[in-house]
Amino acid sequence: MLKLITPERAREILEKYKGTIEEVSRKYGVPAAAIRAILYKEMTEMDIMDPAVDLVVSTQLTGRKDSSTGYGQIFGRTGLRAVEYAVEHGLVTYDTLGITTDHRLREQDPADIRLIWNKLNKEPEFNIEVTALNLLTCAEEMTGRTDFASFSEEEMKRALTRYNANTDTITAYGEDAYRLMCAFEKEC
């Protein structure tokens, strides 16, 4: 498939959003290099089908209601789970994330998933922040904790793998994301 974002363009985007990445890294304790690695990996894997599927979801012309979207390639349902995790743990409020709602967001509510999907699709800074929040949920799920500084190499690879796959076995994605994270740490 034809890739949409070259490695060079991905680096330009990471540079453009460097301040956002650093801010969410400090705010949530997620290593900036890990956020960069996930964003870079996801961006350089985007192909011509990604915007086509986003268009289908955004126009609601078919039954498709969710897709991975934005620089972090996050599904609305996944983003909602990450936001709820952060709210439940007192890390954020809906207001601080710019989410306007009069009720607690629910994964079972298609309108709530749509709300998050639209923000992920249209707001790069929100997408980057939710990328970090999703990494937090992945770390918690894979290790039982979110203190990234205490992670072994294997634990970090498992958290990075979980970002992309519903498995606790390290995949090629996790290996590659870890390699990228180590490379980005040298650039920091």
N, C-alpha and C. Protein backbone atom coordinates (compact mmCIF):
# COMPACT_ATOMS: atom_id res chain seq x y z
N MET A 1 0.83 -1.20 0.00
CA MET A 1 0.00 0.00 0.00
C MET A 1 0.87 1.26 0.00
N LEU A 2 0.33 2.28 -0.57
CA LEU A 2 1.00 3.56 -0.63
C LEU A 2 0.93 4.24 0.74
N LYS A 3 2.09 4.53 1.32
CA LYS A 3 2.15 5.19 2.62
C LYS A 3 1.89 6.68 2.45
N LEU A 4 1.19 7.26 3.40
CA LEU A 4 0.83 8.67 3.33
C LEU A 4 1.87 9.60 3.93
N ILE A 5 2.54 9.14 4.96
CA ILE A 5 3.50 9.99 5.67
C ILE A 5 4.87 9.34 5.63
N THR A 6 5.81 10.04 5.03
CA THR A 6 7.18 9.54 4.95
C THR A 6 7.85 9.68 6.31
N PRO A 7 8.94 8.96 6.53
CA PRO A 7 9.68 9.14 7.78
C PRO A 7 10.11 10.59 7.99
N GLU A 8 10.51 11.27 6.92
CA GLU A 8 10.93 12.67 7.04
C GLU A 8 9.76 13.55 7.48
N ARG A 9 8.61 13.34 6.87
CA ARG A 9 7.42 14.12 7.23
C ARG A 9 7.00 13.81 8.67
N ALA A 10 7.10 12.57 9.07
CA ALA A 10 6.76 12.19 10.45
C ALA A 10 7.65 12.95 11.44
N ARG A 11 8.92 13.05 11.12
CA ARG A 11 9.84 13.80 12.00
C ARG A 11 9.48 15.28 12.04
N GLU A 12 9.07 15.84 10.92
CA GLU A 12 8.62 17.24 10.88
C GLU A 12 7.40 17.44 11.78
N ILE A 13 6.47 16.50 11.72
CA ILE A 13 5.26 16.59 12.55
C ILE A 13 5.63 16.47 14.03
N LEU A 14 6.52 15.55 14.34
CA LEU A 14 6.96 15.41 15.74
C LEU A 14 7.63 16.70 16.22
N GLU A 15 8.40 17.32 15.37
CA GLU A 15 9.05 18.59 15.74
C GLU A 15 8.00 19.69 15.93
N LYS A 16 7.02 19.74 15.05
CA LYS A 16 5.96 20.74 15.16
C LYS A 16 5.21 20.61 16.50
N TYR A 17 5.00 19.39 16.94
CA TYR A 17 4.24 19.15 18.18
C TYR A 17 5.14 18.80 19.37
N LYS A 18 6.40 19.17 19.26
CA LYS A 18 7.36 18.87 20.33
C LYS A 18 6.88 19.42 21.68
N GLY A 19 6.40 20.65 21.70
CA GLY A 19 5.92 21.25 22.95
C GLY A 19 4.75 20.48 23.54
N THR A 20 3.82 20.07 22.72
CA THR A 20 2.66 19.28 23.18
C THR A 20 3.13 17.96 23.75
N ILE A 21 4.03 17.29 23.04
CA ILE A 21 4.54 15.99 23.50
C ILE A 21 5.24 16.14 24.84
N GLU A 22 6.09 17.16 24.98
CA GLU A 22 6.81 17.39 26.25
C GLU A 22 5.83 17.70 27.38
N GLU A 23 4.82 18.50 27.09
CA GLU A 23 3.83 18.87 28.10
C GLU A 23 3.06 17.65 28.59
N VAL A 24 2.56 16.81 27.68
CA VAL A 24 1.79 15.64 28.13
C VAL A 24 2.71 14.62 28.79
N SER A 25 3.96 14.58 28.38
CA SER A 25 4.93 13.69 29.04
C SER A 25 5.09 14.08 30.50
N ARG A 26 5.29 15.36 30.75
CA ARG A 26 5.43 15.84 32.15
C ARG A 26 4.13 15.65 32.93
N LYS A 27 3.03 15.96 32.29
CA LYS A 27 1.72 15.91 32.96
C LYS A 27 1.37 14.50 33.43
N TYR A 28 1.68 13.49 32.62
CA TYR A 28 1.25 12.12 32.93
C TYR A 28 2.37 11.16 33.28
N GLY A 29 3.63 11.61 33.18
CA GLY A 29 4.74 10.74 33.52
C GLY A 29 5.02 9.66 32.48
N VAL A 30 4.56 9.91 31.26
CA VAL A 30 4.84 8.99 30.15
C VAL A 30 6.07 9.52 29.43
N PRO A 31 7.09 8.70 29.24
CA PRO A 31 8.30 9.20 28.58
C PRO A 31 8.00 9.82 27.22
N ALA A 32 8.53 11.01 26.99
CA ALA A 32 8.34 11.68 25.71
C ALA A 32 8.83 10.80 24.56
N ALA A 33 9.91 10.08 24.78
CA ALA A 33 10.45 9.21 23.73
C ALA A 33 9.46 8.10 23.39
N ALA A 34 8.72 7.61 24.36
CA ALA A 34 7.71 6.57 24.09
C ALA A 34 6.56 7.16 23.29
N ILE A 35 6.14 8.36 23.63
CA ILE A 35 5.06 9.02 22.89
C ILE A 35 5.51 9.25 21.45
N ARG A 36 6.73 9.76 21.29
CA ARG A 36 7.27 10.00 19.94
C ARG A 36 7.34 8.70 19.15
N ALA A 37 7.80 7.64 19.79
CA ALA A 37 7.95 6.35 19.11
C ALA A 37 6.60 5.85 18.60
N ILE A 38 5.59 5.92 19.43
CA ILE A 38 4.25 5.47 19.01
C ILE A 38 3.74 6.35 17.87
N LEU A 39 3.84 7.66 18.04
CA LEU A 39 3.35 8.56 16.99
C LEU A 39 4.08 8.32 15.67
N TYR A 40 5.40 8.20 15.73
CA TYR A 40 6.19 7.97 14.52
C TYR A 40 5.79 6.65 13.87
N LYS A 41 5.71 5.62 14.67
CA LYS A 41 5.35 4.29 14.16
C LYS A 41 3.97 4.34 13.49
N GLU A 42 3.00 4.93 14.17
CA GLU A 42 1.65 4.98 13.62
C GLU A 42 1.58 5.84 12.37
N MET A 43 2.24 7.00 12.39
CA MET A 43 2.19 7.88 11.22
C MET A 43 2.82 7.23 9.99
N THR A 44 3.96 6.57 10.18
CA THR A 44 4.66 6.00 9.02
C THR A 44 4.00 4.72 8.51
N GLU A 45 3.02 4.22 9.23
CA GLU A 45 2.26 3.05 8.78
C GLU A 45 0.95 3.44 8.11
N MET A 46 0.57 4.73 8.16
CA MET A 46 -0.68 5.16 7.53
C MET A 46 -0.57 4.96 6.02
N ASP A 47 -1.65 4.44 5.44
CA ASP A 47 -1.69 4.29 3.99
C ASP A 47 -2.95 4.94 3.43
N ILE A 48 -3.14 4.81 2.15
CA ILE A 48 -4.24 5.50 1.49
C ILE A 48 -5.62 5.07 1.99
N MET A 49 -5.71 3.93 2.62
CA MET A 49 -7.00 3.47 3.13
C MET A 49 -7.40 4.21 4.41
N ASP A 50 -6.44 4.71 5.18
CA ASP A 50 -6.75 5.38 6.45
C ASP A 50 -7.67 6.59 6.27
N PRO A 51 -7.36 7.54 5.40
CA PRO A 51 -8.30 8.66 5.24
C PRO A 51 -9.63 8.23 4.62
N ALA A 52 -9.60 7.18 3.79
CA ALA A 52 -10.85 6.69 3.21
C ALA A 52 -11.77 6.15 4.29
N VAL A 53 -11.22 5.38 5.22
CA VAL A 53 -12.03 4.83 6.31
C VAL A 53 -12.49 5.96 7.23
N ASP A 54 -11.61 6.93 7.51
CA ASP A 54 -12.02 8.08 8.32
C ASP A 54 -13.18 8.82 7.67
N LEU A 55 -13.13 8.96 6.36
CA LEU A 55 -14.22 9.64 5.65
C LEU A 55 -15.53 8.87 5.80
N VAL A 56 -15.47 7.56 5.70
CA VAL A 56 -16.66 6.73 5.88
C VAL A 56 -17.23 6.94 7.28
N VAL A 57 -16.37 6.94 8.29
CA VAL A 57 -16.83 7.12 9.67
C VAL A 57 -17.37 8.54 9.86
N SER A 58 -16.68 9.54 9.35
CA SER A 58 -17.10 10.93 9.56
C SER A 58 -18.42 11.25 8.88
N THR A 59 -18.66 10.67 7.71
CA THR A 59 -19.91 10.95 6.99
C THR A 59 -21.05 10.06 7.43
N GLN A 60 -20.74 8.98 8.09
CA GLN A 60 -21.74 8.00 8.56
C GLN A 60 -22.62 7.49 7.43
N LEU A 61 -22.05 7.34 6.25
CA LEU A 61 -22.82 6.84 5.11
C LEU A 61 -23.03 5.33 5.14
N THR A 62 -22.20 4.65 5.92
CA THR A 62 -22.36 3.20 6.07
C THR A 62 -22.53 2.89 7.55
N GLY A 63 -22.54 1.65 7.88
CA GLY A 63 -22.69 1.26 9.27
C GLY A 63 -21.41 1.40 10.08
N ARG A 64 -20.30 1.74 9.44
CA ARG A 64 -19.02 1.87 10.15
C ARG A 64 -19.05 3.08 11.07
N LYS A 65 -18.83 2.86 12.37
CA LYS A 65 -18.96 3.93 13.35
C LYS A 65 -17.65 4.33 14.03
N ASP A 66 -16.57 3.59 13.76
CA ASP A 66 -15.31 3.85 14.45
C ASP A 66 -14.16 3.43 13.55
N SER A 67 -13.04 4.10 13.73
CA SER A 67 -11.81 3.76 13.00
C SER A 67 -10.64 4.36 13.77
N SER A 68 -9.46 3.85 13.47
CA SER A 68 -8.27 4.47 14.05
C SER A 68 -8.05 5.77 13.30
N THR A 69 -7.72 6.83 14.04
CA THR A 69 -7.65 8.14 13.41
C THR A 69 -6.58 9.01 14.05
N GLY A 70 -6.14 10.00 13.31
CA GLY A 70 -5.16 10.95 13.81
C GLY A 70 -3.76 10.39 13.86
N TYR A 71 -2.83 11.21 14.33
CA TYR A 71 -1.43 10.82 14.37
C TYR A 71 -1.18 9.57 15.21
N GLY A 72 -1.93 9.41 16.28
CA GLY A 72 -1.77 8.23 17.14
C GLY A 72 -2.59 7.04 16.69
N GLN A 73 -3.36 7.20 15.60
CA GLN A 73 -4.21 6.14 15.06
C GLN A 73 -5.00 5.44 16.17
N ILE A 74 -5.84 6.22 16.83
CA ILE A 74 -6.62 5.74 17.97
C ILE A 74 -8.08 5.61 17.57
N PHE A 75 -8.68 4.49 17.91
CA PHE A 75 -10.12 4.30 17.73
C PHE A 75 -10.85 5.16 18.76
N GLY A 76 -12.04 5.61 18.42
CA GLY A 76 -12.85 6.37 19.37
C GLY A 76 -13.10 5.61 20.65
N ARG A 77 -13.41 4.33 20.54
CA ARG A 77 -13.67 3.50 21.73
C ARG A 77 -12.42 3.41 22.61
N THR A 78 -11.27 3.23 21.99
CA THR A 78 -10.01 3.15 22.74
C THR A 78 -9.70 4.48 23.40
N GLY A 79 -9.91 5.57 22.67
CA GLY A 79 -9.69 6.90 23.23
C GLY A 79 -10.61 7.16 24.40
N LEU A 80 -11.87 6.74 24.28
CA LEU A 80 -12.82 6.92 25.38
C LEU A 80 -12.35 6.17 26.62
N ARG A 81 -11.89 4.93 26.43
CA ARG A 81 -11.37 4.15 27.57
C ARG A 81 -10.19 4.86 28.24
N ALA A 82 -9.30 5.41 27.42
CA ALA A 82 -8.12 6.10 27.96
C ALA A 82 -8.54 7.36 28.72
N VAL A 83 -9.49 8.10 28.18
CA VAL A 83 -9.99 9.30 28.86
C VAL A 83 -10.64 8.90 30.18
N GLU A 84 -11.46 7.89 30.16
CA GLU A 84 -12.14 7.45 31.38
C GLU A 84 -11.14 6.97 32.44
N TYR A 85 -10.11 6.27 32.01
CA TYR A 85 -9.05 5.85 32.94
C TYR A 85 -8.45 7.08 33.62
N ALA A 86 -8.14 8.09 32.83
CA ALA A 86 -7.51 9.30 33.37
C ALA A 86 -8.47 10.05 34.30
N VAL A 87 -9.73 10.12 33.94
CA VAL A 87 -10.72 10.78 34.80
C VAL A 87 -10.87 10.01 36.12
N GLU A 88 -11.01 8.70 36.02
CA GLU A 88 -11.18 7.86 37.23
C GLU A 88 -9.97 7.95 38.16
N HIS A 89 -8.79 8.15 37.61
CA HIS A 89 -7.57 8.24 38.42
C HIS A 89 -7.21 9.67 38.81
N GLY A 90 -8.12 10.61 38.52
CA GLY A 90 -7.91 12.00 38.92
C GLY A 90 -6.81 12.73 38.16
N LEU A 91 -6.46 12.23 36.99
CA LEU A 91 -5.40 12.86 36.20
C LEU A 91 -5.92 14.03 35.38
N VAL A 92 -7.20 13.98 35.00
CA VAL A 92 -7.82 15.00 34.17
C VAL A 92 -9.30 15.11 34.54
N THR A 93 -9.89 16.14 33.99
CA THR A 93 -11.35 16.26 34.00
C THR A 93 -11.77 16.40 32.54
N TYR A 94 -13.04 16.23 32.29
CA TYR A 94 -13.52 16.45 30.93
C TYR A 94 -13.20 17.88 30.49
N ASP A 95 -13.40 18.83 31.40
CA ASP A 95 -13.14 20.23 31.06
C ASP A 95 -11.69 20.46 30.65
N THR A 96 -10.74 19.89 31.39
CA THR A 96 -9.33 20.12 31.05
C THR A 96 -8.97 19.50 29.71
N LEU A 97 -9.75 18.51 29.26
CA LEU A 97 -9.52 17.91 27.95
C LEU A 97 -10.36 18.56 26.85
N GLY A 98 -11.15 19.56 27.25
CA GLY A 98 -11.99 20.25 26.28
C GLY A 98 -13.18 19.42 25.83
N ILE A 99 -13.62 18.52 26.69
CA ILE A 99 -14.78 17.68 26.38
C ILE A 99 -16.01 18.27 27.05
N THR A 100 -16.97 18.63 26.24
CA THR A 100 -18.21 19.20 26.76
C THR A 100 -19.26 18.10 26.82
N THR A 101 -19.67 17.78 28.04
CA THR A 101 -20.69 16.75 28.24
C THR A 101 -21.40 17.02 29.55
N ASP A 102 -22.64 16.58 29.63
CA ASP A 102 -23.40 16.73 30.86
C ASP A 102 -23.55 15.40 31.59
N HIS A 103 -22.79 14.39 31.15
CA HIS A 103 -22.87 13.07 31.78
C HIS A 103 -21.52 12.36 31.70
N ARG A 104 -21.39 11.33 32.48
CA ARG A 104 -20.19 10.49 32.44
C ARG A 104 -20.15 9.76 31.10
N LEU A 105 -19.04 9.81 30.40
CA LEU A 105 -18.92 9.12 29.11
C LEU A 105 -18.99 7.61 29.33
N ARG A 106 -19.67 6.97 28.40
CA ARG A 106 -19.84 5.51 28.49
C ARG A 106 -19.45 4.86 27.17
N GLU A 107 -18.70 3.79 27.29
CA GLU A 107 -18.24 3.04 26.13
C GLU A 107 -19.41 2.43 25.35
N GLN A 108 -20.52 2.21 26.02
CA GLN A 108 -21.68 1.61 25.37
C GLN A 108 -22.52 2.63 24.61
N ASP A 109 -22.21 3.90 24.74
CA ASP A 109 -22.99 4.94 24.10
C ASP A 109 -22.32 5.37 22.79
N PRO A 110 -22.92 5.06 21.64
CA PRO A 110 -22.32 5.44 20.36
C PRO A 110 -22.07 6.95 20.24
N ALA A 111 -22.91 7.76 20.85
CA ALA A 111 -22.71 9.22 20.79
C ALA A 111 -21.44 9.62 21.53
N ASP A 112 -21.13 8.95 22.64
CA ASP A 112 -19.91 9.26 23.38
C ASP A 112 -18.67 8.83 22.60
N ILE A 113 -18.75 7.68 21.96
CA ILE A 113 -17.63 7.22 21.13
C ILE A 113 -17.43 8.22 19.99
N ARG A 114 -18.51 8.65 19.40
CA ARG A 114 -18.45 9.62 18.29
C ARG A 114 -17.84 10.94 18.75
N LEU A 115 -18.21 11.40 19.93
CA LEU A 115 -17.65 12.63 20.49
C LEU A 115 -16.13 12.54 20.57
N ILE A 116 -15.64 11.45 21.13
CA ILE A 116 -14.19 11.26 21.27
C ILE A 116 -13.55 11.08 19.90
N TRP A 117 -14.16 10.29 19.03
CA TRP A 117 -13.60 10.07 17.69
C TRP A 117 -13.44 11.39 16.96
N ASN A 118 -14.44 12.24 17.01
CA ASN A 118 -14.36 13.54 16.33
C ASN A 118 -13.21 14.38 16.85
N LYS A 119 -13.00 14.40 18.17
CA LYS A 119 -11.88 15.16 18.74
C LYS A 119 -10.54 14.55 18.31
N LEU A 120 -10.47 13.21 18.34
CA LEU A 120 -9.24 12.53 17.91
C LEU A 120 -8.93 12.83 16.45
N ASN A 121 -9.96 12.90 15.64
CA ASN A 121 -9.81 13.10 14.21
C ASN A 121 -9.46 14.54 13.85
N LYS A 122 -10.01 15.50 14.59
CA LYS A 122 -9.90 16.91 14.20
C LYS A 122 -8.89 17.71 15.02
N GLU A 123 -8.47 17.20 16.17
CA GLU A 123 -7.60 17.98 17.06
C GLU A 123 -6.30 17.22 17.34
N PRO A 124 -5.23 17.56 16.60
CA PRO A 124 -3.96 16.84 16.78
C PRO A 124 -3.44 16.85 18.22
N GLU A 125 -3.57 17.97 18.91
CA GLU A 125 -3.08 18.03 20.30
C GLU A 125 -3.86 17.06 21.19
N PHE A 126 -5.16 16.98 21.00
CA PHE A 126 -5.97 16.03 21.76
C PHE A 126 -5.55 14.61 21.43
N ASN A 127 -5.33 14.33 20.16
CA ASN A 127 -4.91 13.00 19.74
C ASN A 127 -3.58 12.62 20.40
N ILE A 128 -2.65 13.55 20.45
CA ILE A 128 -1.36 13.29 21.09
C ILE A 128 -1.54 13.06 22.58
N GLU A 129 -2.38 13.86 23.22
CA GLU A 129 -2.62 13.67 24.66
C GLU A 129 -3.25 12.32 24.93
N VAL A 130 -4.20 11.92 24.11
CA VAL A 130 -4.85 10.62 24.31
C VAL A 130 -3.89 9.48 23.97
N THR A 131 -2.95 9.72 23.07
CA THR A 131 -1.90 8.72 22.83
C THR A 131 -1.16 8.44 24.14
N ALA A 132 -0.79 9.49 24.86
CA ALA A 132 -0.11 9.32 26.15
C ALA A 132 -1.02 8.63 27.17
N LEU A 133 -2.28 9.03 27.22
CA LEU A 133 -3.22 8.40 28.15
C LEU A 133 -3.41 6.93 27.82
N ASN A 134 -3.46 6.62 26.54
CA ASN A 134 -3.60 5.22 26.15
C ASN A 134 -2.36 4.42 26.55
N LEU A 135 -1.18 5.03 26.42
CA LEU A 135 0.04 4.35 26.87
C LEU A 135 -0.02 4.07 28.38
N LEU A 136 -0.60 5.01 29.13
CA LEU A 136 -0.78 4.77 30.57
C LEU A 136 -1.65 3.55 30.81
N THR A 137 -2.77 3.46 30.09
CA THR A 137 -3.67 2.32 30.30
C THR A 137 -2.99 1.02 29.88
N CYS A 138 -2.20 1.08 28.82
CA CYS A 138 -1.47 -0.11 28.36
C CYS A 138 -0.45 -0.56 29.41
N ALA A 139 0.26 0.41 29.97
CA ALA A 139 1.25 0.09 31.01
C ALA A 139 0.57 -0.54 32.22
N GLU A 140 -0.52 0.07 32.65
CA GLU A 140 -1.27 -0.47 33.81
C GLU A 140 -1.73 -1.90 33.53
N GLU A 141 -2.27 -2.11 32.35
CA GLU A 141 -2.77 -3.44 32.00
C GLU A 141 -1.66 -4.48 31.93
N MET A 142 -0.52 -4.10 31.38
CA MET A 142 0.57 -5.06 31.16
C MET A 142 1.45 -5.28 32.37
N THR A 143 1.56 -4.27 33.25
CA THR A 143 2.51 -4.39 34.37
C THR A 143 1.86 -4.19 35.73
N GLY A 144 0.66 -3.63 35.76
CA GLY A 144 0.01 -3.33 37.03
C GLY A 144 0.46 -2.00 37.61
N ARG A 145 1.24 -1.24 36.86
CA ARG A 145 1.71 0.05 37.35
C ARG A 145 1.99 0.99 36.18
N THR A 146 2.23 2.26 36.51
CA THR A 146 2.48 3.24 35.46
C THR A 146 3.78 4.01 35.69
N ASP A 147 4.62 3.52 36.54
CA ASP A 147 5.92 4.14 36.78
C ASP A 147 6.90 3.66 35.71
N PHE A 148 6.89 4.33 34.57
CA PHE A 148 7.69 3.89 33.43
C PHE A 148 9.17 3.78 33.76
N ALA A 149 9.67 4.61 34.65
CA ALA A 149 11.09 4.58 35.01
C ALA A 149 11.49 3.24 35.63
N SER A 150 10.53 2.55 36.21
CA SER A 150 10.83 1.28 36.87
C SER A 150 10.70 0.07 35.92
N PHE A 151 10.29 0.31 34.69
CA PHE A 151 10.03 -0.80 33.77
C PHE A 151 11.31 -1.44 33.28
N SER A 152 11.28 -2.75 33.21
CA SER A 152 12.35 -3.47 32.53
C SER A 152 12.14 -3.30 31.03
N GLU A 153 13.12 -3.71 30.25
CA GLU A 153 12.98 -3.64 28.80
C GLU A 153 11.76 -4.44 28.34
N GLU A 154 11.59 -5.63 28.89
CA GLU A 154 10.45 -6.48 28.52
C GLU A 154 9.12 -5.83 28.88
N GLU A 155 9.04 -5.23 30.05
CA GLU A 155 7.79 -4.57 30.44
C GLU A 155 7.46 -3.40 29.51
N MET A 156 8.48 -2.64 29.14
CA MET A 156 8.24 -1.52 28.23
C MET A 156 7.78 -2.03 26.87
N LYS A 157 8.41 -3.07 26.38
CA LYS A 157 8.01 -3.64 25.10
C LYS A 157 6.57 -4.17 25.16
N ARG A 158 6.19 -4.75 26.29
CA ARG A 158 4.82 -5.26 26.43
C ARG A 158 3.82 -4.10 26.42
N ALA A 159 4.14 -2.99 27.09
CA ALA A 159 3.24 -1.83 27.09
C ALA A 159 3.14 -1.24 25.68
N LEU A 160 4.26 -1.13 24.99
CA LEU A 160 4.25 -0.60 23.63
C LEU A 160 3.50 -1.53 22.68
N THR A 161 3.67 -2.83 22.85
CA THR A 161 2.93 -3.80 22.05
C THR A 161 1.44 -3.64 22.27
N ARG A 162 1.04 -3.49 23.53
CA ARG A 162 -0.38 -3.40 23.86
C ARG A 162 -1.04 -2.19 23.22
N TYR A 163 -0.29 -1.14 22.98
CA TYR A 163 -0.85 0.03 22.31
C TYR A 163 -1.47 -0.38 20.97
N ASN A 164 -0.86 -1.34 20.31
CA ASN A 164 -1.26 -1.72 18.96
C ASN A 164 -2.03 -3.03 18.89
N ALA A 165 -1.91 -3.88 19.88
CA ALA A 165 -2.50 -5.22 19.78
C ALA A 165 -3.05 -5.68 21.12
N ASN A 166 -4.09 -6.45 21.06
CA ASN A 166 -4.71 -6.98 22.27
C ASN A 166 -4.03 -8.30 22.65
N THR A 167 -2.79 -8.18 23.09
CA THR A 167 -2.01 -9.34 23.48
C THR A 167 -1.03 -8.95 24.57
N ASP A 168 -0.61 -9.92 25.36
CA ASP A 168 0.44 -9.63 26.33
C ASP A 168 1.78 -10.24 25.89
N THR A 169 1.82 -10.74 24.67
CA THR A 169 3.04 -11.26 24.08
C THR A 169 3.67 -10.15 23.24
N ILE A 170 4.95 -9.95 23.41
CA ILE A 170 5.66 -8.91 22.65
C ILE A 170 5.62 -9.25 21.17
N THR A 171 5.22 -8.27 20.38
CA THR A 171 5.13 -8.45 18.92
C THR A 171 6.24 -7.66 18.23
N ALA A 172 6.32 -7.81 16.91
CA ALA A 172 7.28 -7.03 16.13
C ALA A 172 7.01 -5.54 16.30
N TYR A 173 5.73 -5.16 16.43
CA TYR A 173 5.38 -3.75 16.66
C TYR A 173 6.04 -3.26 17.95
N GLY A 174 5.91 -4.02 19.02
CA GLY A 174 6.50 -3.63 20.31
C GLY A 174 8.01 -3.54 20.25
N GLU A 175 8.62 -4.48 19.56
CA GLU A 175 10.08 -4.46 19.37
C GLU A 175 10.51 -3.21 18.62
N ASP A 176 9.80 -2.92 17.53
CA ASP A 176 10.15 -1.76 16.71
C ASP A 176 9.90 -0.46 17.46
N ALA A 177 8.77 -0.37 18.16
CA ALA A 177 8.46 0.83 18.93
C ALA A 177 9.51 1.04 20.03
N TYR A 178 9.97 -0.04 20.64
CA TYR A 178 11.01 0.08 21.67
C TYR A 178 12.32 0.59 21.06
N ARG A 179 12.68 0.06 19.89
CA ARG A 179 13.89 0.51 19.20
C ARG A 179 13.79 2.00 18.89
N LEU A 180 12.63 2.42 18.41
CA LEU A 180 12.40 3.84 18.11
C LEU A 180 12.48 4.68 19.39
N MET A 181 11.88 4.18 20.47
CA MET A 181 11.91 4.91 21.73
C MET A 181 13.36 5.14 22.16
N CYS A 182 14.18 4.11 22.07
CA CYS A 182 15.59 4.24 22.46
C CYS A 182 16.29 5.26 21.56
N ALA A 183 15.98 5.28 20.28
CA ALA A 183 16.58 6.25 19.36
C ALA A 183 16.11 7.67 19.72
N PHE A 184 14.84 7.84 20.03
CA PHE A 184 14.33 9.16 20.39
C PHE A 184 14.89 9.63 21.74
N GLU A 185 15.17 8.72 22.65
CA GLU A 185 15.77 9.12 23.92
C GLU A 185 17.11 9.76 23.69
N LYS A 186 17.86 9.29 22.72
CA LYS A 186 19.18 9.86 22.42
C LYS A 186 19.04 11.26 21.83
N GLU A 187 17.91 11.54 21.20
CA GLU A 187 17.68 12.86 20.61
C GLU A 187 17.20 13.89 21.63
N CYS A 188 16.66 13.42 22.73
CA CYS A 188 16.05 14.33 23.71
C CYS A 188 17.08 15.22 24.37
